[in-house]
Amino acid sequence: MIKTVLNTIKENNMLCKKDKVVVAVSGGPDSLCLLHILYKLKEELDINLYVAHLNHCLRGKESDEDEKFVKNFCQSLDIEFRSKRVDINKISQQRNMSCETAGRKVRYEFFNEVKKEVGAQKVAIAHNANDQAETVLMRIMRGTGLEGLTGIKAVRDHEFIRPLINTTRCEIENYCKEENLNPQIDKTNLETIYSRNKIRLELIPYIEKNFNKDIINTINRLSDTIKVDNNYLDSIAKEKFKKYCDTCPEKVIISKEAFLEDEAIVSRILRLSLRDVCGNLYDFEKIHIYDIMRIQKHSTGKQIMLPNRIIVSNDYGDMIISKNIKKAKMSNDIYVLHEGINNISNNCAVYIESYCNEGIKNISKNKFIQYFDYDKIKGNIILRNRKEGDKFIPIGMKGSKKLKNMFIDLKISKERRNDIPLICFGKSIAWVVGYRMGELFKIDKHTKKILAIEFEGEEI
């Protein structure tokens, strides 16, 4: 069995020399076996071990006894031990999620804490071949795709490793007996109130008895076969993701051209986008992927809410996936400008200069420089952002137009409209910076003096 574990570590490049490894140990047969084998191999692998134990506080005294058992076991091997007590029932209520999901999230948060504290490179988890088969069966019953059928990854994010993934539970239990490890037994694992326990205690034994004695290895071979094809499709999707997607902090913008690709690639691009925004794909299902595809075919402005506070919106065919973070209200600051340099912020300035009409020889075509008839200007020169009800007379038009409607015509997304600077003369909008100049202040054959305004830097 040790040889199998060693081969799994080497085949998957799980460990490097001098690695510090945090081993997640509950006290049960799987994790105790993992710790004991890594301890035996630590000289050969040239690694240092640390143990992390999370007390879920779900089984009263038994949970405390598990913690004490693991601590004593670590002391006997002279391995540094870290533990934490967390009331998972309370956390599940606070976060509005199942105990199972809350437990998983808190466990991995704790493992990352310990990893950071000790400066470790890897976290070893005790998932085994039976866990792999059970996971695949559970996902089949939920209607999974290829990704789900690949099961539990031997290595995730180059940090979380599973050295026992090719070892069966029977082999683990025999190892514990041979080595007199006497692991703790969680009695809840023997109850069939949870789906995974039903699969473990009822479904798999039934299949083994009536259909296939080697069903665990058969399912795992299926998983390995699918993994090859899925990895190829994933590699194509990653190339397309780079081609079609713009990534920002907590936001991904997917070009409409991406949705012309085959559905197998589109669905993967969407999953990559969700992972980029959230950090993981927990709570996302196939129906959410299809929901995004569906609204992409609708008119602009269509939005949907997904789990984990994700909002998806159609912006003229492009899809914006972002965290639904409540933004602070737009600042109502009004900047009264003067000729010369106006420093609005560290990254924004407005330059204003006046000339006689004959004084300008070359009119710049830069969209952030605009020229106005100086004598038509009444009131202060003001820089501000839009407000409700703003109207504007674009150059070439006689009547006014709602600024909102002009933004729609220009296909400017809702999230950007409040950030576009406006130059006003008194109460009249003279320039939607970067887009349109107003009719009321344009230069004509009667113009004697010109006011030039240049906007430089970030949008305010």
Protein backbone atom coordinates (compact mmCIF):
# COMPACT_ATOMS: atom_id res chain seq x y z
CA MET A 1 0.00 0.00 0.00
CA ILE A 2 2.85 2.40 0.80
CA LYS A 3 4.19 1.72 -2.69
CA THR A 4 0.79 2.68 -4.19
CA VAL A 5 0.77 5.95 -2.24
CA LEU A 6 4.35 6.73 -3.25
CA ASN A 7 3.53 6.07 -6.93
CA THR A 8 0.46 8.35 -6.67
CA ILE A 9 2.61 11.14 -5.21
CA LYS A 10 5.25 10.79 -7.93
CA GLU A 11 2.86 10.36 -10.89
CA ASN A 12 0.98 13.51 -9.93
CA ASN A 13 4.03 15.56 -8.90
CA MET A 14 2.39 16.17 -5.54
CA LEU A 15 5.49 17.01 -3.53
CA CYS A 16 8.91 18.60 -3.91
CA LYS A 17 11.92 18.23 -1.66
CA LYS A 18 11.85 20.47 1.43
CA ASP A 19 8.07 20.98 1.12
CA LYS A 20 6.19 21.76 4.30
CA VAL A 21 2.96 19.76 4.30
CA VAL A 22 -0.12 20.38 6.43
CA VAL A 23 -1.97 17.09 6.88
CA ALA A 24 -5.71 17.38 7.57
CA VAL A 25 -6.44 14.81 10.28
CA SER A 26 -9.88 14.14 11.74
CA GLY A 27 -8.79 11.05 13.67
CA GLY A 28 -10.68 8.62 11.43
CA PRO A 29 -9.09 5.67 9.55
CA ASP A 30 -8.42 7.57 6.29
CA SER A 31 -6.67 10.62 7.71
CA LEU A 32 -4.78 8.65 10.37
CA CYS A 33 -3.54 6.25 7.71
CA LEU A 34 -2.47 9.19 5.49
CA LEU A 35 -0.53 10.84 8.32
CA HIS A 36 1.18 7.58 9.31
CA ILE A 37 2.27 6.78 5.74
CA LEU A 38 3.56 10.31 5.10
CA TYR A 39 5.45 10.06 8.39
CA LYS A 40 7.09 6.84 7.19
CA LEU A 41 7.95 8.46 3.84
CA LYS A 42 9.07 11.84 5.14
CA GLU A 43 12.78 11.03 5.02
CA GLU A 44 12.57 9.57 1.54
CA LEU A 45 10.46 12.50 0.28
CA ASP A 46 12.44 15.04 2.33
CA ILE A 47 9.36 16.81 3.67
CA ASN A 48 8.22 18.35 6.97
CA LEU A 49 4.81 17.54 8.41
CA TYR A 50 2.26 19.58 10.37
CA VAL A 51 -1.22 18.51 11.44
CA ALA A 52 -4.44 20.53 11.29
CA HIS A 53 -7.53 19.28 13.14
CA LEU A 54 -10.89 21.06 13.07
CA ASN A 55 -13.31 20.31 15.90
CA HIS A 56 -16.76 20.80 14.34
CA CYS A 57 -18.50 20.67 17.77
CA LEU A 58 -21.24 18.51 16.23
CA ARG A 59 -20.94 15.44 18.48
CA GLY A 60 -20.30 16.92 21.92
CA LYS A 61 -17.82 14.85 23.96
CA GLU A 62 -16.99 12.63 21.01
CA SER A 63 -15.74 15.63 19.01
CA ASP A 64 -13.55 16.68 21.95
CA GLU A 65 -12.20 13.12 22.31
CA ASP A 66 -11.30 13.08 18.60
CA GLU A 67 -9.33 16.30 19.05
CA LYS A 68 -7.51 14.93 22.10
CA PHE A 69 -6.75 11.64 20.30
CA VAL A 70 -5.19 13.39 17.28
CA LYS A 71 -3.16 15.68 19.55
CA ASN A 72 -1.75 12.71 21.48
CA PHE A 73 -1.03 10.82 18.26
CA CYS A 74 0.93 13.78 16.92
CA GLN A 75 2.89 14.06 20.17
CA SER A 76 3.87 10.39 19.88
CA LEU A 77 5.32 11.11 16.41
CA ASP A 78 6.73 14.52 17.39
CA ILE A 79 4.63 16.32 14.77
CA GLU A 80 3.46 19.90 15.31
CA PHE A 81 -0.30 19.97 15.97
CA ARG A 82 -2.81 22.79 15.32
CA SER A 83 -6.51 22.67 16.16
CA LYS A 84 -9.54 24.92 16.09
CA ARG A 85 -13.05 24.63 17.55
CA VAL A 86 -15.92 25.89 15.39
CA ASP A 87 -19.67 25.56 15.97
CA ILE A 88 -20.66 24.39 12.49
CA ASN A 89 -24.39 24.44 13.26
CA LYS A 90 -24.11 28.12 14.16
CA ILE A 91 -22.00 28.88 11.08
CA SER A 92 -24.48 27.11 8.79
CA GLN A 93 -27.31 29.27 10.14
CA GLN A 94 -25.29 32.48 9.88
CA ARG A 95 -24.21 31.77 6.30
CA ASN A 96 -27.56 30.26 5.30
CA MET A 97 -26.10 26.97 4.04
CA SER A 98 -26.24 23.29 4.91
CA CYS A 99 -24.04 21.89 7.70
CA GLU A 100 -22.14 19.84 5.13
CA THR A 101 -21.35 22.89 2.96
CA ALA A 102 -20.52 25.05 5.97
CA GLY A 103 -18.22 22.36 7.32
CA ARG A 104 -16.36 22.11 4.02
CA LYS A 105 -15.91 25.87 3.73
CA VAL A 106 -14.73 26.29 7.31
CA ARG A 107 -12.35 23.32 7.03
CA TYR A 108 -10.61 24.73 3.99
CA GLU A 109 -10.48 28.19 5.55
CA PHE A 110 -8.75 26.64 8.57
CA PHE A 111 -6.34 24.60 6.43
CA ASN A 112 -5.33 27.77 4.59
CA GLU A 113 -4.81 29.56 7.93
CA VAL A 114 -2.46 26.85 9.17
CA LYS A 115 -0.72 26.66 5.79
CA LYS A 116 0.00 30.38 5.97
CA GLU A 117 1.08 30.29 9.63
CA VAL A 118 3.69 27.55 9.13
CA GLY A 119 4.71 28.63 5.62
CA ALA A 120 3.62 25.33 4.06
CA GLN A 121 3.44 24.62 0.34
CA LYS A 122 0.87 21.79 0.39
CA VAL A 123 -2.19 20.57 2.28
CA ALA A 124 -2.73 16.78 2.23
CA ILE A 125 -6.33 15.54 2.29
CA ALA A 126 -7.30 11.89 2.90
CA HIS A 127 -9.79 11.31 0.06
CA ASN A 128 -9.50 7.75 -1.22
CA ALA A 129 -10.64 5.60 -4.17
CA ASN A 130 -14.01 4.87 -2.51
CA ASP A 131 -14.62 8.58 -1.96
CA GLN A 132 -13.86 9.05 -5.65
CA ALA A 133 -16.42 6.44 -6.76
CA GLU A 134 -19.05 7.74 -4.33
CA THR A 135 -18.56 11.28 -5.61
CA VAL A 136 -18.97 10.21 -9.25
CA LEU A 137 -22.17 8.27 -8.42
CA MET A 138 -23.60 11.24 -6.49
CA ARG A 139 -22.88 13.55 -9.42
CA ILE A 140 -24.44 11.15 -11.92
CA MET A 141 -27.65 11.21 -9.90
CA ARG A 142 -27.58 15.03 -9.94
CA GLY A 143 -27.16 15.13 -13.73
CA THR A 144 -23.51 16.16 -13.97
CA GLY A 145 -21.46 16.83 -17.11
CA LEU A 146 -18.00 15.59 -18.10
CA GLU A 147 -16.27 17.76 -15.50
CA GLY A 148 -18.30 16.15 -12.72
CA LEU A 149 -17.51 12.65 -13.95
CA THR A 150 -13.79 13.29 -13.56
CA GLY A 151 -14.43 13.12 -9.82
CA ILE A 152 -12.01 14.36 -7.16
CA LYS A 153 -8.75 15.79 -8.49
CA ALA A 154 -5.53 14.22 -7.22
CA VAL A 155 -4.07 17.74 -7.04
CA ARG A 156 -6.14 20.93 -6.82
CA ASP A 157 -4.79 24.43 -7.34
CA HIS A 158 -1.23 23.08 -6.98
CA GLU A 159 -1.78 23.14 -3.21
CA PHE A 160 -4.25 20.47 -2.10
CA ILE A 161 -2.98 16.94 -2.63
CA ARG A 162 -4.69 13.56 -2.19
CA PRO A 163 -2.06 10.80 -1.87
CA LEU A 164 -4.69 8.12 -1.04
CA ILE A 165 -6.86 8.76 -4.12
CA ASN A 166 -5.83 5.40 -5.67
CA THR A 167 -6.14 3.46 -2.41
CA THR A 168 -9.38 1.68 -1.44
CA ARG A 169 -11.05 1.99 1.94
CA CYS A 170 -10.53 -1.73 2.52
CA GLU A 171 -6.77 -1.31 2.06
CA ILE A 172 -6.82 1.64 4.46
CA GLU A 173 -8.68 -0.29 7.16
CA ASN A 174 -6.30 -3.24 6.80
CA TYR A 175 -3.32 -0.90 7.11
CA CYS A 176 -4.72 0.59 10.32
CA LYS A 177 -5.12 -2.90 11.79
CA GLU A 178 -1.63 -3.99 10.77
CA GLU A 179 -0.08 -0.87 12.29
CA ASN A 180 -2.31 -0.90 15.41
CA LEU A 181 -3.40 2.71 14.79
CA ASN A 182 -6.83 2.33 16.46
CA PRO A 183 -8.49 5.30 14.69
CA GLN A 184 -11.55 7.11 16.03
CA ILE A 185 -14.88 6.11 14.50
CA ASP A 186 -17.44 8.79 13.68
CA LYS A 187 -20.78 7.04 14.30
CA THR A 188 -22.59 9.49 12.01
CA ASN A 189 -20.77 7.84 9.09
CA LEU A 190 -22.81 4.72 9.84
CA GLU A 191 -26.15 6.55 9.62
CA THR A 192 -28.02 6.57 6.30
CA ILE A 193 -29.57 10.01 6.72
CA TYR A 194 -26.99 11.53 4.38
CA SER A 195 -26.93 10.82 0.62
CA ARG A 196 -23.24 9.93 0.60
CA ASN A 197 -23.72 7.46 3.46
CA LYS A 198 -26.59 5.79 1.59
CA ILE A 199 -24.37 5.38 -1.45
CA ARG A 200 -21.52 4.05 0.71
CA LEU A 201 -23.54 1.75 2.95
CA GLU A 202 -26.36 0.63 0.63
CA LEU A 203 -25.89 1.37 -3.08
CA ILE A 204 -22.27 0.30 -3.59
CA PRO A 205 -22.62 -2.95 -1.56
CA TYR A 206 -25.77 -3.75 -3.60
CA ILE A 207 -23.92 -3.19 -6.90
CA GLU A 208 -20.96 -5.24 -5.67
CA LYS A 209 -23.25 -8.10 -4.70
CA ASN A 210 -25.53 -8.11 -7.75
CA PHE A 211 -23.60 -6.56 -10.66
CA ASN A 212 -19.88 -5.92 -10.30
CA LYS A 213 -17.61 -6.91 -7.39
CA ASP A 214 -14.98 -4.46 -8.59
CA ILE A 215 -17.32 -1.47 -9.04
CA ILE A 216 -15.02 0.96 -7.15
CA ASN A 217 -12.12 0.41 -9.54
CA THR A 218 -14.47 0.28 -12.54
CA ILE A 219 -15.94 3.71 -11.75
CA ASN A 220 -12.47 5.11 -11.15
CA ARG A 221 -11.25 3.79 -14.52
CA LEU A 222 -14.25 5.50 -16.12
CA SER A 223 -13.30 8.71 -14.34
CA ASP A 224 -9.70 8.49 -15.56
CA THR A 225 -10.84 7.89 -19.17
CA ILE A 226 -13.18 10.88 -19.13
CA LYS A 227 -10.48 13.02 -17.54
CA VAL A 228 -8.32 12.73 -20.68
CA ASP A 229 -11.07 14.03 -22.99
CA ASN A 230 -12.19 16.68 -20.54
CA ASN A 231 -8.65 18.01 -20.11
CA TYR A 232 -8.40 18.49 -23.88
CA LEU A 233 -11.68 20.45 -24.03
CA ASP A 234 -10.57 22.50 -21.03
CA SER A 235 -7.31 23.44 -22.76
CA ILE A 236 -9.26 24.70 -25.80
CA ALA A 237 -11.67 26.62 -23.54
CA LYS A 238 -8.77 28.32 -21.73
CA GLU A 239 -7.40 29.58 -25.05
CA LYS A 240 -10.85 30.92 -26.01
CA PHE A 241 -11.23 32.48 -22.57
CA LYS A 242 -8.05 34.50 -23.13
CA LYS A 243 -9.27 35.48 -26.59
CA TYR A 244 -12.81 36.57 -25.72
CA CYS A 245 -12.73 37.65 -22.06
CA ASP A 246 -11.53 40.79 -20.31
CA THR A 247 -10.85 40.22 -16.63
CA CYS A 248 -11.01 42.86 -13.91
CA PRO A 249 -11.11 42.54 -10.12
CA GLU A 250 -14.33 40.63 -9.33
CA LYS A 251 -15.60 41.04 -12.90
CA VAL A 252 -15.28 39.32 -16.29
CA ILE A 253 -16.60 40.75 -19.57
CA ILE A 254 -17.27 38.06 -22.19
CA SER A 255 -17.39 39.21 -25.81
CA LYS A 256 -20.51 38.28 -27.75
CA GLU A 257 -18.29 36.49 -30.28
CA ALA A 258 -17.58 33.82 -27.64
CA PHE A 259 -21.18 32.64 -27.90
CA LEU A 260 -20.63 31.66 -31.54
CA GLU A 261 -18.37 28.83 -30.39
CA ASP A 262 -19.60 25.26 -29.83
CA GLU A 263 -21.76 24.89 -26.72
CA ALA A 264 -19.15 22.58 -25.13
CA ILE A 265 -16.63 25.44 -25.29
CA VAL A 266 -19.10 28.21 -24.36
CA SER A 267 -20.16 26.37 -21.20
CA ARG A 268 -16.53 25.99 -20.17
CA ILE A 269 -15.78 29.65 -20.87
CA LEU A 270 -18.68 30.55 -18.58
CA ARG A 271 -17.42 28.24 -15.83
CA LEU A 272 -13.94 29.73 -16.13
CA SER A 273 -15.50 33.20 -15.84
CA LEU A 274 -17.49 32.29 -12.74
CA ARG A 275 -14.41 30.72 -11.17
CA ASP A 276 -12.38 33.85 -11.97
CA VAL A 277 -14.94 36.08 -10.22
CA CYS A 278 -15.73 33.78 -7.25
CA GLY A 279 -12.57 31.77 -6.80
CA ASN A 280 -14.51 28.48 -7.03
CA LEU A 281 -17.62 26.91 -8.57
CA TYR A 282 -19.40 25.93 -5.34
CA ASP A 283 -23.21 26.19 -5.61
CA PHE A 284 -23.16 26.71 -9.40
CA GLU A 285 -25.09 24.17 -11.45
CA LYS A 286 -25.69 23.42 -15.12
CA ILE A 287 -28.95 25.36 -15.07
CA HIS A 288 -27.02 28.53 -14.17
CA ILE A 289 -24.79 28.10 -17.23
CA TYR A 290 -27.87 27.73 -19.44
CA ASP A 291 -29.45 30.78 -17.79
CA ILE A 292 -26.46 32.88 -18.86
CA MET A 293 -26.67 31.52 -22.42
CA ARG A 294 -30.39 32.28 -22.47
CA ILE A 295 -30.16 35.94 -21.46
CA GLN A 296 -27.29 36.48 -23.90
CA LYS A 297 -29.86 36.00 -26.66
CA HIS A 298 -32.15 38.67 -25.17
CA SER A 299 -32.00 42.42 -25.61
CA THR A 300 -29.45 44.51 -23.75
CA GLY A 301 -29.98 45.27 -20.09
CA LYS A 302 -31.31 41.81 -19.17
CA GLN A 303 -29.92 40.65 -15.81
CA ILE A 304 -30.04 37.57 -13.60
CA MET A 305 -28.81 36.83 -10.09
CA LEU A 306 -26.78 33.66 -9.43
CA PRO A 307 -25.57 32.06 -6.18
CA ASN A 308 -22.73 33.68 -4.22
CA ARG A 309 -23.99 37.23 -4.96
CA ILE A 310 -23.12 37.00 -8.65
CA ILE A 311 -24.94 39.24 -11.09
CA VAL A 312 -24.88 38.58 -14.85
CA SER A 313 -25.98 41.23 -17.32
CA ASN A 314 -26.33 41.51 -21.08
CA ASP A 315 -24.50 44.58 -22.38
CA TYR A 316 -25.36 44.74 -26.09
CA GLY A 317 -24.56 41.05 -26.48
CA ASP A 318 -21.44 41.09 -24.32
CA MET A 319 -21.97 39.37 -20.97
CA ILE A 320 -20.75 40.94 -17.73
CA ILE A 321 -20.28 38.58 -14.77
CA SER A 322 -19.54 40.40 -11.53
CA LYS A 323 -19.94 40.37 -7.77
CA ASN A 324 -23.13 42.15 -6.72
CA ILE A 325 -21.35 44.64 -4.50
CA LYS A 326 -23.38 47.61 -3.39
CA LYS A 327 -21.51 50.65 -4.59
CA ALA A 328 -21.32 53.83 -2.62
CA LYS A 329 -23.57 56.54 -3.96
CA MET A 330 -22.10 58.66 -6.69
CA SER A 331 -20.36 61.70 -5.36
CA ASN A 332 -22.35 64.86 -5.96
CA ASP A 333 -19.20 66.98 -5.98
CA ILE A 334 -19.27 69.85 -8.45
CA TYR A 335 -15.93 71.23 -9.56
CA VAL A 336 -15.87 74.88 -10.62
CA LEU A 337 -13.06 75.19 -13.16
CA HIS A 338 -10.84 78.09 -14.16
CA GLU A 339 -8.41 78.81 -16.93
CA GLY A 340 -5.12 76.97 -16.54
CA ILE A 341 -4.57 73.64 -14.81
CA ASN A 342 -7.38 72.20 -12.66
CA ASN A 343 -6.18 69.20 -10.61
CA ILE A 344 -9.29 67.20 -9.77
CA SER A 345 -7.47 64.22 -8.19
CA ASN A 346 -4.11 62.47 -8.32
CA ASN A 347 -5.07 60.90 -11.66
CA CYS A 348 -7.36 63.50 -13.17
CA ALA A 349 -6.82 67.06 -14.44
CA VAL A 350 -8.61 69.53 -16.72
CA TYR A 351 -6.67 72.07 -18.78
CA ILE A 352 -8.47 75.22 -19.97
CA GLU A 353 -7.10 77.91 -22.27
CA SER A 354 -8.68 80.69 -24.35
CA TYR A 355 -7.49 81.97 -27.76
CA CYS A 356 -8.43 84.44 -30.41
CA ASN A 357 -10.04 82.60 -33.30
CA GLU A 358 -6.98 83.21 -35.43
CA GLY A 359 -4.74 81.88 -32.67
CA ILE A 360 -5.53 78.20 -33.29
CA LYS A 361 -3.80 76.76 -36.31
CA ASN A 362 -4.31 73.03 -35.73
CA ILE A 363 -7.54 71.73 -34.25
CA SER A 364 -6.86 68.50 -32.36
CA LYS A 365 -8.98 65.46 -33.14
CA ASN A 366 -8.35 63.98 -29.71
CA LYS A 367 -11.77 63.03 -28.28
CA PHE A 368 -10.67 64.36 -24.90
CA ILE A 369 -10.04 67.87 -26.25
CA GLN A 370 -12.94 70.11 -27.26
CA TYR A 371 -13.31 73.72 -28.49
CA PHE A 372 -16.14 76.16 -27.66
CA ASP A 373 -17.27 79.66 -28.63
CA TYR A 374 -16.05 81.68 -25.67
CA ASP A 375 -18.70 84.42 -26.04
CA LYS A 376 -21.60 81.94 -25.88
CA ILE A 377 -20.58 80.74 -22.43
CA LYS A 378 -22.70 82.03 -19.53
CA GLY A 379 -22.02 81.15 -15.91
CA ASN A 380 -19.27 79.07 -14.33
CA ILE A 381 -17.39 76.29 -16.08
CA ILE A 382 -18.37 73.17 -14.15
CA LEU A 383 -17.21 69.55 -14.10
CA ARG A 384 -19.67 67.01 -12.73
CA ASN A 385 -21.28 63.62 -13.33
CA ARG A 386 -24.79 63.05 -14.56
CA LYS A 387 -27.88 63.43 -12.44
CA GLU A 388 -31.46 62.28 -12.85
CA GLY A 389 -33.34 64.10 -15.59
CA ASP A 390 -30.29 65.55 -17.36
CA LYS A 391 -31.01 66.78 -20.90
CA PHE A 392 -28.59 67.69 -23.63
CA ILE A 393 -28.68 69.27 -27.11
CA PRO A 394 -26.09 67.30 -29.15
CA ILE A 395 -24.32 69.16 -31.92
CA GLY A 396 -26.37 69.22 -35.10
CA MET A 397 -29.73 68.95 -33.29
CA LYS A 398 -32.31 71.63 -32.50
CA GLY A 399 -34.20 69.96 -29.67
CA SER A 400 -32.93 68.54 -26.40
CA LYS A 401 -32.50 64.86 -25.70
CA LYS A 402 -32.43 62.96 -22.42
CA LEU A 403 -28.86 62.09 -21.56
CA LYS A 404 -30.04 58.59 -20.62
CA ASN A 405 -31.42 58.03 -24.14
CA MET A 406 -28.21 59.28 -25.71
CA PHE A 407 -26.22 56.78 -23.64
CA ILE A 408 -28.56 54.02 -24.84
CA ASP A 409 -28.05 55.10 -28.46
CA LEU A 410 -24.27 55.06 -27.94
CA LYS A 411 -24.52 51.59 -26.35
CA ILE A 412 -22.86 52.72 -23.13
CA SER A 413 -23.48 50.17 -20.37
CA LYS A 414 -25.49 51.17 -17.32
CA GLU A 415 -22.56 50.64 -14.97
CA ARG A 416 -20.41 53.17 -16.88
CA ARG A 417 -22.93 55.97 -17.35
CA ASN A 418 -22.51 57.50 -13.91
CA ASP A 419 -18.73 57.68 -14.37
CA ILE A 420 -18.68 59.76 -17.56
CA PRO A 421 -17.60 63.38 -16.88
CA LEU A 422 -19.75 66.28 -18.06
CA ILE A 423 -18.52 69.82 -18.77
CA CYS A 424 -21.27 72.35 -18.13
CA PHE A 425 -21.49 76.09 -18.69
CA GLY A 426 -23.84 77.30 -16.00
CA LYS A 427 -26.75 74.88 -16.01
CA SER A 428 -26.27 73.70 -19.61
CA ILE A 429 -24.33 70.57 -20.55
CA ALA A 430 -21.71 71.60 -23.10
CA TRP A 431 -19.72 68.37 -23.48
CA VAL A 432 -20.23 64.72 -22.63
CA VAL A 433 -16.50 64.10 -22.32
CA GLY A 434 -15.20 61.66 -24.87
CA TYR A 435 -18.53 61.36 -26.70
CA ARG A 436 -20.57 64.40 -27.75
CA MET A 437 -20.32 68.21 -27.77
CA GLY A 438 -23.34 70.44 -27.30
CA GLU A 439 -24.98 72.51 -30.09
CA LEU A 440 -25.33 75.66 -27.98
CA PHE A 441 -21.61 76.36 -27.70
CA LYS A 442 -20.21 75.27 -31.05
CA ILE A 443 -17.77 77.39 -33.01
CA ASP A 444 -19.18 79.12 -36.10
CA LYS A 445 -18.12 81.79 -38.63
CA HIS A 446 -18.93 84.54 -36.14
CA THR A 447 -16.72 83.15 -33.37
CA LYS A 448 -14.11 85.65 -32.20
CA LYS A 449 -12.68 83.84 -29.20
CA ILE A 450 -12.28 80.13 -28.51
CA LEU A 451 -12.15 78.22 -25.24
CA ALA A 452 -10.18 74.94 -25.40
CA ILE A 453 -10.78 72.31 -22.72
CA GLU A 454 -8.69 69.13 -22.35
CA PHE A 455 -9.63 66.31 -20.01
CA GLU A 456 -6.81 64.07 -18.88
CA GLY A 457 -6.77 61.03 -16.60
CA GLU A 458 -9.28 58.63 -15.08
CA GLU A 459 -13.00 59.20 -15.36
CA ILE A 460 -14.35 60.78 -12.20
